[in-house]
Protein backbone atom coordinates (compact mmCIF):
# COMPACT_ATOMS: atom_id res chain seq x y z
CA MET A 1 -0.04 0.29 -0.22
CA SER A 2 3.09 2.36 0.60
CA THR A 3 4.35 1.85 -2.48
CA GLU A 4 1.24 2.38 -4.46
CA SER A 5 0.56 6.01 -2.65
CA THR A 6 3.89 6.83 -2.96
CA ASN A 7 3.31 6.19 -6.72
CA SER A 8 0.18 8.18 -6.77
CA THR A 9 1.67 11.12 -5.18
CA VAL A 10 4.84 10.81 -7.67
CA ASP A 11 3.21 9.82 -11.18
CA PRO A 12 0.86 13.36 -11.62
CA SER A 13 4.11 15.47 -11.60
CA THR A 14 6.20 13.23 -13.66
CA ALA A 15 3.13 12.94 -16.01
CA LEU A 16 2.87 16.36 -16.17
CA ILE A 17 6.86 17.04 -16.90
CA GLN A 18 6.65 14.18 -19.44
CA ARG A 19 3.40 15.88 -21.52
CA LYS A 20 5.21 19.44 -21.13
CA ASN A 21 8.40 17.57 -22.79
CA LYS A 22 6.42 16.09 -25.01
CA ARG A 23 4.52 19.33 -26.17
CA GLU A 24 7.84 21.37 -26.40
CA ALA A 25 9.74 18.32 -28.27
CA ALA A 26 6.63 18.24 -30.50
CA SER A 27 6.72 21.94 -31.22
CA GLU A 28 10.46 22.04 -31.94
CA GLY A 29 10.18 19.19 -34.26
CA SER A 30 7.26 21.27 -36.29
CA ILE A 31 9.53 23.93 -36.50
CA GLN A 32 12.25 22.53 -37.66
CA THR A 33 10.16 20.48 -40.14
CA LYS A 34 8.29 23.29 -41.13
CA PRO A 35 10.13 23.98 -44.53
CA ASN A 36 10.03 20.58 -46.20
CA ARG A 37 13.74 20.48 -47.44
CA ARG A 38 13.64 16.73 -48.66
CA TRP A 39 13.54 16.70 -52.49
CA ASN A 40 10.61 15.02 -54.58
CA TRP A 41 9.90 13.93 -58.22
CA GLN A 42 8.52 17.52 -58.01
CA ASP A 43 12.04 19.20 -57.74
CA ALA A 44 13.31 16.49 -60.91
CA LEU A 45 10.26 17.99 -62.80
CA TYR A 46 10.63 21.47 -62.27
CA LEU A 47 14.15 21.39 -63.16
CA LEU A 48 13.65 19.38 -66.40
CA ILE A 49 11.02 22.21 -67.24
CA LEU A 50 14.01 24.79 -66.81
CA LEU A 51 16.34 23.01 -68.85
CA GLY A 52 13.98 22.75 -71.82
CA LEU A 53 12.81 26.46 -71.63
CA VAL A 54 16.62 27.17 -71.92
CA VAL A 55 16.76 24.88 -74.85
CA ALA A 56 13.87 26.19 -76.13
CA MET A 57 15.53 29.63 -75.66
CA ALA A 58 18.82 28.29 -77.88
CA LEU A 59 16.58 27.26 -80.65
CA HIS A 60 14.87 30.19 -80.50
CA TYR A 61 18.06 32.72 -80.49
CA THR A 62 20.93 30.76 -82.06
CA PRO A 63 19.55 27.71 -84.50
CA ASN A 64 23.01 27.41 -85.56
CA LEU A 65 25.19 26.91 -82.50
CA THR A 66 28.41 26.77 -84.28
CA GLY A 67 28.22 29.86 -86.50
CA GLU A 68 25.56 32.41 -84.93
CA VAL A 69 25.29 34.28 -81.71
CA ALA A 70 22.23 35.89 -79.68
CA GLY A 71 22.10 39.42 -79.97
CA LEU A 72 24.27 42.39 -81.36
CA TRP A 73 27.61 40.53 -82.78
CA TRP A 74 30.46 42.90 -81.50
CA ASP A 75 29.89 41.92 -77.72
CA PRO A 76 30.01 38.31 -78.17
CA LEU A 77 33.00 38.53 -80.60
CA LEU A 78 34.99 40.45 -77.57
CA ASN A 79 33.79 38.03 -75.17
CA MET A 80 34.57 34.66 -77.17
CA TRP A 81 38.22 36.45 -77.60
CA THR A 82 38.40 36.99 -73.81
CA MET A 83 37.68 33.46 -72.48
CA SER A 84 39.64 32.24 -75.59
CA TRP A 85 42.70 34.25 -74.54
CA ASP A 86 42.17 32.87 -70.87
CA THR A 87 42.23 29.19 -71.72
CA THR A 88 44.79 29.28 -74.08
CA THR A 89 47.14 31.50 -71.85
CA LEU A 90 46.10 29.99 -68.40
CA LEU A 91 47.52 26.37 -69.87
CA HIS A 92 50.50 28.15 -71.43
CA ALA A 93 51.99 31.28 -69.99
CA PRO A 94 49.63 31.75 -66.62
CA LEU A 95 51.91 34.52 -65.86
CA HIS A 96 51.12 36.63 -68.48
CA LEU A 97 47.39 36.30 -68.20
CA TRP A 98 46.81 40.21 -67.95
CA GLN A 99 49.02 40.86 -71.04
CA ALA A 100 46.84 40.63 -73.74
CA GLN A 101 47.66 40.61 -77.18
CA ILE A 102 44.85 43.41 -78.00
CA LEU A 103 45.25 47.48 -77.75
CA TYR A 104 48.70 47.77 -78.42
CA PRO A 105 50.85 49.26 -76.88
CA ASN A 106 48.88 48.79 -73.85
CA ASN A 107 50.37 46.06 -71.73
CA ASN A 108 47.65 45.23 -69.62
CA SER A 109 44.59 45.00 -71.53
CA LEU A 110 42.53 42.39 -70.39
CA SER A 111 42.29 44.69 -67.09
CA LEU A 112 39.85 47.00 -69.39
CA SER A 113 37.19 44.86 -69.30
CA GLU A 114 35.70 41.80 -67.67
CA ASN A 115 38.17 39.11 -67.45
CA LEU A 116 35.39 36.35 -67.68
CA LEU A 117 37.49 33.69 -65.54
CA GLY A 118 34.17 32.68 -64.33
CA GLU A 119 32.99 31.51 -67.57
CA THR A 120 36.07 30.50 -68.93
CA ILE A 121 35.49 26.95 -66.39
CA PHE A 122 32.73 26.17 -68.78
CA PHE A 123 33.95 27.55 -72.10
CA ALA A 124 37.52 25.77 -72.23
CA PRO A 125 36.48 22.21 -72.17
CA ILE A 126 34.25 22.76 -75.11
CA TYR A 127 36.79 25.02 -76.82
CA LEU A 128 39.61 23.01 -76.45
CA SER A 129 37.86 19.61 -77.64
CA THR A 130 35.74 21.43 -80.65
CA HIS A 131 38.48 24.32 -81.55
CA ASN A 132 35.31 26.28 -82.04
CA PRO A 133 34.91 29.59 -80.13
CA VAL A 134 31.28 30.35 -81.27
CA LEU A 135 30.16 27.10 -80.35
CA ALA A 136 31.80 27.31 -76.63
CA TYR A 137 30.66 30.94 -76.00
CA ASN A 138 26.85 29.53 -76.73
CA ILE A 139 26.95 26.38 -74.79
CA THR A 140 28.42 28.83 -71.99
CA LEU A 141 25.85 31.22 -72.44
CA TYR A 142 22.69 29.26 -71.97
CA LEU A 143 24.59 27.19 -69.43
CA THR A 144 24.57 30.71 -67.14
CA PHE A 145 20.81 30.95 -68.01
CA LEU A 146 20.16 27.39 -66.86
CA LEU A 147 22.39 27.88 -63.68
CA CYS A 148 20.60 30.83 -62.47
CA GLY A 149 17.32 29.10 -62.70
CA ILE A 150 18.82 25.93 -60.91
CA ASN A 151 20.84 28.35 -57.90
CA MET A 152 17.93 30.25 -57.57
CA TYR A 153 15.58 27.40 -57.20
CA ILE A 154 18.12 25.69 -54.86
CA MET A 155 18.05 28.92 -52.36
CA ALA A 156 14.39 29.07 -52.71
CA ARG A 157 13.43 25.39 -51.98
CA HIS A 158 15.53 25.81 -48.86
CA TYR A 159 13.88 28.70 -47.33
CA THR A 160 10.23 28.05 -48.44
CA GLY A 161 10.15 24.21 -48.44
CA LYS A 162 7.64 24.52 -51.54
CA PRO A 163 8.75 23.21 -55.14
CA PHE A 164 6.26 25.44 -56.88
CA ALA A 165 7.35 28.49 -55.31
CA ALA A 166 11.12 27.74 -55.88
CA PHE A 167 9.98 27.18 -59.64
CA VAL A 168 8.70 30.51 -59.87
CA ALA A 169 11.51 32.12 -58.23
CA ALA A 170 13.71 30.60 -60.54
CA LEU A 171 11.66 31.57 -63.42
CA ILE A 172 11.69 35.55 -62.53
CA TYR A 173 15.36 35.18 -61.60
CA ALA A 174 16.53 33.24 -64.71
CA PHE A 175 14.64 34.66 -67.37
CA SER A 176 13.50 38.29 -66.41
CA PRO A 177 13.24 40.84 -69.19
CA TYR A 178 16.15 42.43 -67.98
CA ARG A 179 18.16 39.48 -68.76
CA LEU A 180 16.87 38.72 -71.96
CA GLY A 181 17.30 42.31 -73.12
CA GLN A 182 21.01 42.03 -72.45
CA ILE A 183 21.51 38.14 -74.13
CA ASP A 184 24.21 39.67 -75.75
CA HIS A 185 26.27 40.76 -72.43
CA ILE A 186 27.38 37.69 -70.98
CA HIS A 187 28.70 39.27 -67.56
CA ILE A 188 25.28 41.09 -67.28
CA ILE A 189 23.73 37.79 -67.29
CA ALA A 190 26.30 35.59 -65.23
CA GLY A 191 24.61 36.03 -61.91
CA GLU A 192 24.28 32.65 -61.09
CA TRP A 193 26.26 32.39 -58.06
CA MET A 194 24.39 35.10 -56.05
CA PRO A 195 21.86 32.90 -55.05
CA LEU A 196 24.08 30.45 -53.24
CA ALA A 197 26.58 32.95 -51.86
CA PHE A 198 23.15 34.38 -50.13
CA LEU A 199 22.26 30.71 -48.93
CA TYR A 200 25.80 29.93 -47.69
CA LEU A 201 26.49 33.02 -45.92
CA ASP A 202 23.15 32.87 -44.26
CA LEU A 203 23.91 28.70 -43.39
CA SER A 204 27.40 29.70 -42.32
CA LEU A 205 26.27 32.57 -39.79
CA GLU A 206 23.81 30.14 -38.42
CA ARG A 207 25.36 26.95 -37.83
CA GLY A 208 28.92 27.84 -38.34
CA ARG A 209 30.50 24.72 -39.84
CA TRP A 210 33.40 24.65 -42.30
CA ARG A 211 31.93 23.55 -45.42
CA HIS A 212 29.46 26.16 -45.25
CA TRP A 213 32.10 28.64 -45.06
CA ILE A 214 33.97 27.12 -47.78
CA LEU A 215 30.97 27.02 -49.84
CA PHE A 216 30.11 30.74 -49.26
CA ALA A 217 33.72 31.61 -50.25
CA LEU A 218 33.90 29.58 -53.12
CA PHE A 219 30.64 30.95 -54.72
CA TYR A 220 31.70 34.66 -53.88
CA LEU A 221 34.92 33.93 -55.54
CA LEU A 222 33.18 32.41 -58.68
CA GLN A 223 30.89 35.61 -58.87
CA LEU A 224 33.51 37.95 -58.57
CA LEU A 225 35.45 36.04 -61.51
CA SER A 226 32.36 36.05 -63.85
CA SER A 227 31.11 39.61 -63.60
CA ILE A 228 33.09 42.23 -61.59
CA TYR A 229 29.91 44.49 -61.64
CA TYR A 230 27.77 41.67 -59.90
CA ALA A 231 30.59 41.21 -57.02
CA ILE A 232 30.69 44.72 -56.44
CA PHE A 233 26.60 44.75 -56.19
CA LEU A 234 26.71 41.62 -54.09
CA SER A 235 29.03 42.65 -51.72
CA TYR A 236 26.85 45.70 -50.80
CA ALA A 237 23.79 43.45 -50.94
CA LEU A 238 25.56 40.54 -48.57
CA LEU A 239 26.70 43.16 -45.97
CA ALA A 240 23.03 44.96 -46.12
CA PHE A 241 21.71 41.24 -45.88
CA VAL A 242 23.92 40.61 -42.67
CA LEU A 243 22.51 43.87 -40.64
CA PHE A 244 18.91 43.66 -41.29
CA ARG A 245 19.08 39.54 -40.68
CA TYR A 246 21.19 39.40 -37.62
CA THR A 247 21.55 42.64 -35.86
CA LYS A 248 18.76 42.59 -34.02
CA PRO A 249 19.19 38.91 -32.44
CA PHE A 250 23.05 40.16 -31.92
CA VAL A 251 21.93 43.11 -29.81
CA ILE A 252 19.37 40.81 -27.69
CA HIS A 253 22.12 37.85 -27.14
CA LEU A 254 24.85 40.81 -26.08
CA ARG A 255 22.39 42.38 -23.58
CA SER A 256 21.49 39.08 -21.92
CA ASN A 257 24.74 37.68 -21.54
CA LYS A 258 27.61 39.45 -22.52
CA GLY A 259 30.80 37.66 -21.71
CA THR A 260 29.60 34.23 -22.49
CA TYR A 261 28.00 35.73 -26.01
CA LEU A 262 31.50 37.42 -27.04
CA LYS A 263 33.37 34.16 -26.09
CA PHE A 264 30.87 32.41 -28.10
CA LEU A 265 31.36 34.84 -31.17
CA LEU A 266 34.94 34.53 -30.97
CA SER A 267 35.13 30.87 -30.77
CA ARG A 268 32.64 30.88 -34.01
CA GLY A 269 35.02 33.60 -35.68
CA VAL A 270 37.73 30.92 -36.16
CA LYS A 271 36.51 29.17 -39.07
CA PRO A 272 35.32 32.83 -41.22
CA ALA A 273 38.59 34.18 -40.25
CA ILE A 274 40.68 31.21 -41.80
CA ILE A 275 38.67 30.84 -44.93
CA LEU A 276 38.39 34.14 -45.83
CA THR A 277 41.92 34.72 -45.02
CA VAL A 278 42.78 32.31 -47.66
CA MET A 279 40.29 33.80 -49.93
CA PHE A 280 41.48 37.02 -49.65
CA LEU A 281 44.98 36.44 -49.83
CA PHE A 282 44.47 34.62 -53.53
CA LEU A 283 42.51 37.78 -54.55
CA GLY A 284 45.51 39.95 -53.40
CA VAL A 285 47.94 37.87 -55.43
CA LEU A 286 45.93 38.01 -58.53
CA MET A 287 45.25 41.58 -57.83
CA ASP A 288 49.32 42.34 -56.82
CA ALA A 289 49.89 40.42 -60.17
CA LEU A 290 47.64 42.98 -62.06
CA SER A 291 48.89 46.14 -59.95
CA PHE A 292 52.82 45.15 -60.65
CA ILE A 293 51.90 44.95 -64.40
CA ALA A 294 50.19 48.23 -64.56
CA ALA A 295 52.78 50.09 -62.41
CA THR A 296 55.46 49.05 -64.94
CA TRP A 297 53.25 49.85 -67.67
CA ILE A 298 52.95 53.72 -66.11
CA LEU A 299 56.56 53.85 -65.16
CA THR A 300 57.41 52.56 -69.11
CA ILE A 301 54.73 55.29 -70.73
CA THR A 302 56.29 58.03 -67.87
CA HIS A 303 59.99 57.35 -69.19
CA SER A 304 59.33 57.39 -72.72
CA ASP A 305 57.35 60.63 -71.78
CA CYS A 306 60.34 62.00 -70.26
CA LYS A 307 62.60 61.21 -73.10
CA LEU A 308 60.64 63.12 -75.60
């Protein structure tokens, strides 16, 4: 009897605690699974539709992929030459990348326009295998449209959990009138890495994992090499995004527990410090080479003017 009475006095409170824990676990589980991030056949279908739209666009603008380009021809010709120069020079004389053979006697002519190194990743294999710069350019151009759609789909799918909403976002981003109106300017179309840069910066700040920071640095760097214009815009947009999304929770945590939170931030800051340092060192080496060439060119001109 004493055991039963003891159980009767303990069980209600224990059951209450258990019910409370179950409710909290259920609420946490519902919050975590609210955006359904598991892909299914609908995602594959929407991505196939995006591919079909890009193929239809290619057939509309360039029925002859090997001999014609979309839009006016002069900018595509410049871009073909740029990516051809990038491909051959990086293979045979990478230290002379910026010293393109155009606009003589300027010794630094590649820096006067977009270098398109990000697009060269796709251009080079096709160009080296076919030796047809027009075909390589066209495939790179339409692949840029496709990647804009796919990468925006990935970002929108992550945040909404809804395939159709992600598909609509991909359509708007990839095939907006602005992009179609600039179809002969590949560096203006090439914003394919911006959605992933946003996504992985957010994941990096939220979860602080090595792979998230590495992927953010990779996609930011690819966007910088694909379009300098968009890299500048992306930098300001990322800064604004971080301020709007994380300033309020930062202030709240700092007020509630200043010392512990600062230690937490310092520990979380090791990974981005290492990865971003490596990224900026790479950019620094690239820009130092460019600056050295530019300084040499300026000194040469000044010396020749003094002789005159």
